[in-house]
N, C-alpha and C. Protein backbone atom coordinates (compact mmCIF):
# COMPACT_ATOMS: atom_id res chain seq x y z
N MET A 1 -24.24 10.92 -14.09
CA MET A 1 -25.11 10.43 -13.06
C MET A 1 -25.15 11.47 -11.94
N SER A 2 -26.33 11.81 -11.54
CA SER A 2 -26.52 12.82 -10.52
C SER A 2 -27.21 12.19 -9.31
N PHE A 3 -26.75 12.57 -8.12
CA PHE A 3 -27.31 12.03 -6.88
C PHE A 3 -27.94 13.17 -6.10
N SER A 4 -29.09 12.90 -5.49
CA SER A 4 -29.80 13.94 -4.75
C SER A 4 -29.33 14.06 -3.30
N SER A 5 -28.63 13.04 -2.78
CA SER A 5 -28.12 13.11 -1.41
C SER A 5 -26.82 12.32 -1.30
N PHE A 6 -26.12 12.57 -0.20
CA PHE A 6 -24.85 11.88 0.00
C PHE A 6 -25.06 10.39 0.22
N SER A 7 -26.11 10.02 0.93
CA SER A 7 -26.37 8.59 1.17
C SER A 7 -26.71 7.88 -0.14
N GLU A 8 -27.38 8.57 -1.04
CA GLU A 8 -27.68 8.00 -2.35
C GLU A 8 -26.38 7.83 -3.15
N PHE A 9 -25.48 8.78 -2.98
CA PHE A 9 -24.16 8.67 -3.63
C PHE A 9 -23.41 7.45 -3.11
N LEU A 10 -23.43 7.24 -1.80
CA LEU A 10 -22.73 6.09 -1.22
C LEU A 10 -23.37 4.77 -1.65
N ALA A 11 -24.69 4.76 -1.81
CA ALA A 11 -25.39 3.54 -2.21
C ALA A 11 -25.16 3.22 -3.68
N MET A 12 -24.83 4.20 -4.49
CA MET A 12 -24.55 4.02 -5.92
C MET A 12 -25.63 3.20 -6.62
N GLY A 13 -26.85 3.53 -6.35
CA GLY A 13 -27.95 2.84 -7.03
C GLY A 13 -28.03 1.36 -6.69
N GLY A 14 -27.65 1.00 -5.48
CA GLY A 14 -27.70 -0.40 -5.07
C GLY A 14 -26.40 -1.15 -5.32
N HIS A 15 -25.42 -0.51 -5.96
CA HIS A 15 -24.15 -1.15 -6.26
C HIS A 15 -23.00 -0.60 -5.42
N GLY A 16 -23.33 0.14 -4.39
CA GLY A 16 -22.32 0.79 -3.56
C GLY A 16 -21.32 -0.17 -2.95
N LEU A 17 -21.78 -1.31 -2.47
CA LEU A 17 -20.87 -2.28 -1.86
C LEU A 17 -19.77 -2.67 -2.84
N TYR A 18 -20.15 -2.99 -4.06
CA TYR A 18 -19.17 -3.43 -5.05
C TYR A 18 -18.27 -2.29 -5.49
N VAL A 19 -18.86 -1.11 -5.67
CA VAL A 19 -18.07 0.05 -6.11
C VAL A 19 -17.04 0.41 -5.06
N TRP A 20 -17.45 0.57 -3.80
CA TRP A 20 -16.53 1.01 -2.76
C TRP A 20 -15.54 -0.09 -2.39
N LEU A 21 -15.96 -1.34 -2.49
CA LEU A 21 -15.04 -2.44 -2.24
C LEU A 21 -13.94 -2.47 -3.30
N SER A 22 -14.32 -2.25 -4.55
CA SER A 22 -13.31 -2.25 -5.61
C SER A 22 -12.36 -1.06 -5.46
N TYR A 23 -12.87 0.10 -5.07
CA TYR A 23 -11.99 1.25 -4.80
C TYR A 23 -11.05 0.93 -3.64
N GLY A 24 -11.58 0.34 -2.59
CA GLY A 24 -10.76 0.01 -1.43
C GLY A 24 -9.68 -1.00 -1.77
N LEU A 25 -10.03 -2.02 -2.52
CA LEU A 25 -9.03 -3.01 -2.92
C LEU A 25 -7.98 -2.39 -3.83
N GLY A 26 -8.40 -1.51 -4.71
CA GLY A 26 -7.45 -0.82 -5.59
C GLY A 26 -6.46 0.02 -4.80
N VAL A 27 -6.96 0.77 -3.82
CA VAL A 27 -6.08 1.59 -2.97
C VAL A 27 -5.16 0.70 -2.15
N ALA A 28 -5.67 -0.42 -1.64
CA ALA A 28 -4.84 -1.35 -0.86
C ALA A 28 -3.71 -1.92 -1.71
N VAL A 29 -3.99 -2.30 -2.93
CA VAL A 29 -2.96 -2.84 -3.82
C VAL A 29 -1.90 -1.77 -4.11
N ILE A 30 -2.33 -0.55 -4.37
CA ILE A 30 -1.38 0.53 -4.63
C ILE A 30 -0.50 0.78 -3.41
N LEU A 31 -1.09 0.82 -2.21
CA LEU A 31 -0.31 1.03 -1.00
C LEU A 31 0.68 -0.11 -0.76
N ILE A 32 0.25 -1.33 -1.00
CA ILE A 32 1.15 -2.48 -0.84
C ILE A 32 2.32 -2.37 -1.81
N ASN A 33 2.02 -1.95 -3.05
CA ASN A 33 3.07 -1.80 -4.05
C ASN A 33 4.03 -0.65 -3.73
N LEU A 34 3.63 0.26 -2.90
CA LEU A 34 4.52 1.34 -2.48
C LEU A 34 5.29 0.99 -1.21
N VAL A 35 4.63 0.36 -0.26
CA VAL A 35 5.22 0.12 1.06
C VAL A 35 6.18 -1.06 1.06
N LEU A 36 5.82 -2.17 0.44
CA LEU A 36 6.68 -3.36 0.50
C LEU A 36 8.06 -3.13 -0.10
N PRO A 37 8.20 -2.53 -1.28
CA PRO A 37 9.56 -2.28 -1.78
C PRO A 37 10.35 -1.33 -0.88
N TRP A 38 9.68 -0.36 -0.28
CA TRP A 38 10.36 0.57 0.63
C TRP A 38 10.90 -0.18 1.84
N LEU A 39 10.08 -1.08 2.42
CA LEU A 39 10.53 -1.87 3.56
C LEU A 39 11.66 -2.82 3.16
N GLN A 40 11.54 -3.41 1.99
CA GLN A 40 12.57 -4.33 1.50
C GLN A 40 13.89 -3.58 1.28
N ARG A 41 13.82 -2.37 0.77
CA ARG A 41 15.02 -1.56 0.55
C ARG A 41 15.69 -1.24 1.88
N ASN A 42 14.90 -0.85 2.87
CA ASN A 42 15.46 -0.55 4.19
C ASN A 42 16.12 -1.77 4.81
N ARG A 43 15.47 -2.93 4.67
CA ARG A 43 16.05 -4.17 5.18
C ARG A 43 17.37 -4.50 4.48
N LEU A 44 17.40 -4.33 3.17
CA LEU A 44 18.61 -4.61 2.41
C LEU A 44 19.75 -3.67 2.81
N LEU A 45 19.45 -2.39 2.95
CA LEU A 45 20.48 -1.43 3.36
C LEU A 45 21.02 -1.75 4.74
N ALA A 46 20.14 -2.10 5.67
CA ALA A 46 20.59 -2.46 7.02
C ALA A 46 21.45 -3.71 6.98
N GLU A 47 21.07 -4.68 6.19
CA GLU A 47 21.85 -5.91 6.07
C GLU A 47 23.23 -5.62 5.46
N GLN A 48 23.27 -4.78 4.46
CA GLN A 48 24.55 -4.44 3.84
C GLN A 48 25.45 -3.68 4.81
N LYS A 49 24.87 -2.79 5.61
CA LYS A 49 25.66 -2.07 6.62
C LYS A 49 26.24 -3.03 7.64
N ARG A 50 25.44 -4.00 8.10
CA ARG A 50 25.92 -5.00 9.06
C ARG A 50 27.04 -5.84 8.45
N ARG A 51 26.86 -6.24 7.20
CA ARG A 51 27.88 -7.05 6.52
C ARG A 51 29.17 -6.26 6.36
N LEU A 52 29.06 -5.00 5.98
CA LEU A 52 30.24 -4.16 5.81
C LEU A 52 30.98 -3.97 7.13
N ARG A 53 30.24 -3.71 8.20
CA ARG A 53 30.87 -3.57 9.52
C ARG A 53 31.56 -4.86 9.94
N ARG A 54 30.92 -5.99 9.67
CA ARG A 54 31.47 -7.28 10.03
C ARG A 54 32.76 -7.55 9.24
N GLU A 55 32.77 -7.23 7.94
CA GLU A 55 33.95 -7.46 7.11
C GLU A 55 35.08 -6.51 7.50
N GLU A 56 34.75 -5.29 7.85
CA GLU A 56 35.80 -4.34 8.26
C GLU A 56 36.41 -4.76 9.59
N GLY A 57 35.65 -5.37 10.45
CA GLY A 57 36.15 -5.83 11.74
C GLY A 57 37.09 -7.01 11.62
N VAL A 58 36.92 -7.84 10.59
CA VAL A 58 37.73 -9.04 10.40
C VAL A 58 39.13 -8.66 9.96
N GLN A 59 39.28 -7.64 9.14
CA GLN A 59 40.58 -7.27 8.56
C GLN A 59 41.50 -6.66 9.54
């Protein structure tokens, strides 16, 4: 498929909304799948450090 202008490329023959929305949702899902586990890992490590400090203080 060949486009004569950039605006025609963005319009995708009248299907641009659906095409770009699906790309956007795909990128959003990928980013969520990368960011949430990273945040969860950081939270877990911080919690474990707090627990370890608390247990060392008791002994």
